[in-house]
Protein backbone atom coordinates (compact mmCIF):
# COMPACT_ATOMS: atom_id res chain seq x y z
CA MET A 1 11.12 0.38 9.33
CA ILE A 2 9.22 2.83 6.83
CA LEU A 3 9.16 1.37 3.10
CA ARG A 4 9.00 4.13 1.02
CA VAL A 5 6.77 3.78 -2.43
CA PHE A 6 7.63 5.12 -5.79
CA LEU A 7 5.29 6.42 -8.31
CA PHE A 8 5.69 4.58 -11.66
CA GLN A 9 3.25 6.44 -14.07
CA LYS A 10 3.93 10.20 -13.32
CA GLU A 11 7.23 12.02 -12.92
CA ASN A 12 5.78 15.17 -11.20
CA LEU A 13 4.57 13.90 -7.96
CA ASN A 14 6.66 13.30 -4.85
CA ARG A 15 8.30 10.08 -4.43
CA SER A 16 7.37 9.86 -0.50
CA SER A 17 3.76 10.68 -1.44
CA ILE A 18 2.94 7.23 0.46
CA LYS A 19 4.14 5.34 3.08
CA ILE A 20 3.54 2.00 4.32
CA PHE A 21 4.59 1.12 7.79
CA PRO A 22 5.72 -1.05 9.92
CA ASN A 23 7.04 -3.29 7.10
CA PRO A 24 7.66 -6.03 7.83
CA ALA A 25 4.07 -6.16 9.45
CA ARG A 26 2.12 -9.16 11.25
CA GLU A 27 -1.58 -8.09 11.81
CA SER A 28 -1.68 -4.69 10.32
CA PHE A 29 -0.05 -1.83 8.52
CA SER A 30 -0.75 2.15 8.35
CA LEU A 31 -0.89 4.28 5.26
CA LYS A 32 0.65 7.65 5.16
CA LEU A 33 -0.82 9.77 2.36
CA ASN A 34 0.87 13.27 1.89
CA ASN A 35 -1.20 15.30 -0.08
CA ILE A 36 -3.58 12.58 -1.37
CA ASP A 37 -7.29 12.43 -0.07
CA LYS A 38 -8.50 9.17 -0.40
CA VAL A 39 -6.99 6.11 -2.47
CA SER A 40 -8.08 2.31 -3.28
CA VAL A 41 -5.73 -0.36 -1.79
CA LYS A 42 -5.29 -3.68 -3.65
CA ILE A 43 -2.96 -6.39 -2.30
CA TYR A 44 -1.65 -9.41 -4.33
CA ASN A 45 -0.03 -12.57 -3.12
CA TYR A 46 3.43 -13.76 -4.63
CA LEU A 47 0.96 -15.64 -7.10
CA GLY A 48 -0.61 -12.63 -8.37
CA LYS A 49 -3.74 -13.39 -6.75
CA LEU A 50 -5.81 -10.44 -5.30
CA VAL A 51 -6.27 -10.99 -1.31
CA PHE A 52 -7.51 -7.26 -0.46
CA ASP A 53 -9.43 -4.79 -2.39
CA LYS A 54 -10.91 -1.60 -0.51
CA LYS A 55 -11.51 1.81 -1.95
CA ASN A 56 -11.91 5.36 -0.16
CA ILE A 57 -8.94 4.68 2.18
CA VAL A 58 -7.90 7.82 3.87
CA ASP A 59 -4.84 8.98 5.60
CA ASN A 60 -3.18 7.15 8.67
CA SER A 61 -5.63 4.23 7.65
CA GLU A 62 -4.87 0.80 9.54
CA ILE A 63 -4.93 -1.95 7.06
CA ASN A 64 -5.57 -5.36 8.93
CA ILE A 65 -3.76 -8.03 7.34
CA ASN A 66 -4.59 -10.71 10.18
CA GLY A 67 -5.01 -14.02 8.49
CA PHE A 68 -2.68 -13.14 5.87
CA SER A 69 -0.23 -16.06 5.71
CA LYS A 70 3.45 -15.26 5.99
CA GLY A 71 5.65 -14.06 2.92
CA ILE A 72 5.74 -11.23 0.31
CA TYR A 73 2.83 -9.44 -1.03
CA LEU A 74 2.80 -6.62 -3.80
CA VAL A 75 0.61 -3.43 -2.49
CA LYS A 76 -0.75 -1.53 -5.46
CA VAL A 77 -2.42 1.88 -4.13
CA ILE A 78 -4.28 3.82 -7.07
CA ASP A 79 -5.17 7.63 -6.38
CA ASN A 80 -7.96 9.83 -7.48
CA ASN A 81 -6.07 10.78 -10.61
CA GLN A 82 -5.65 6.93 -11.24
CA ASP A 83 -1.97 7.44 -10.30
CA THR A 84 -0.72 3.78 -9.21
CA TYR A 85 2.13 2.99 -6.47
CA LEU A 86 3.22 -0.14 -6.08
CA SER A 87 5.35 -1.51 -2.88
CA LYS A 88 6.43 -4.71 -1.49
CA LEU A 89 4.80 -5.71 1.88
CA ILE A 90 6.39 -8.45 4.08
CA VAL A 91 4.10 -10.17 6.18
CA GLU A 92 5.94 -12.14 9.19
């Protein structure tokens, strides 16, 4: 299952600029970046606590979530132009 991520700040970028898969995930997930060089990724748990923060992530990077508790997380991806993409991630 591929979850499409939608842009909330600018209307001129493609809605399919970033894909997160698989979702639900268990130990890791991958980021597919279309026409974006590098991004920063922040992951928040359901209480809003930052549980992951990494910069300079490139296309097809695998994000290790081993050790995350089962539940729903918010993935925030920020590109070099400071455009922000938000997505829900389910960890099984």
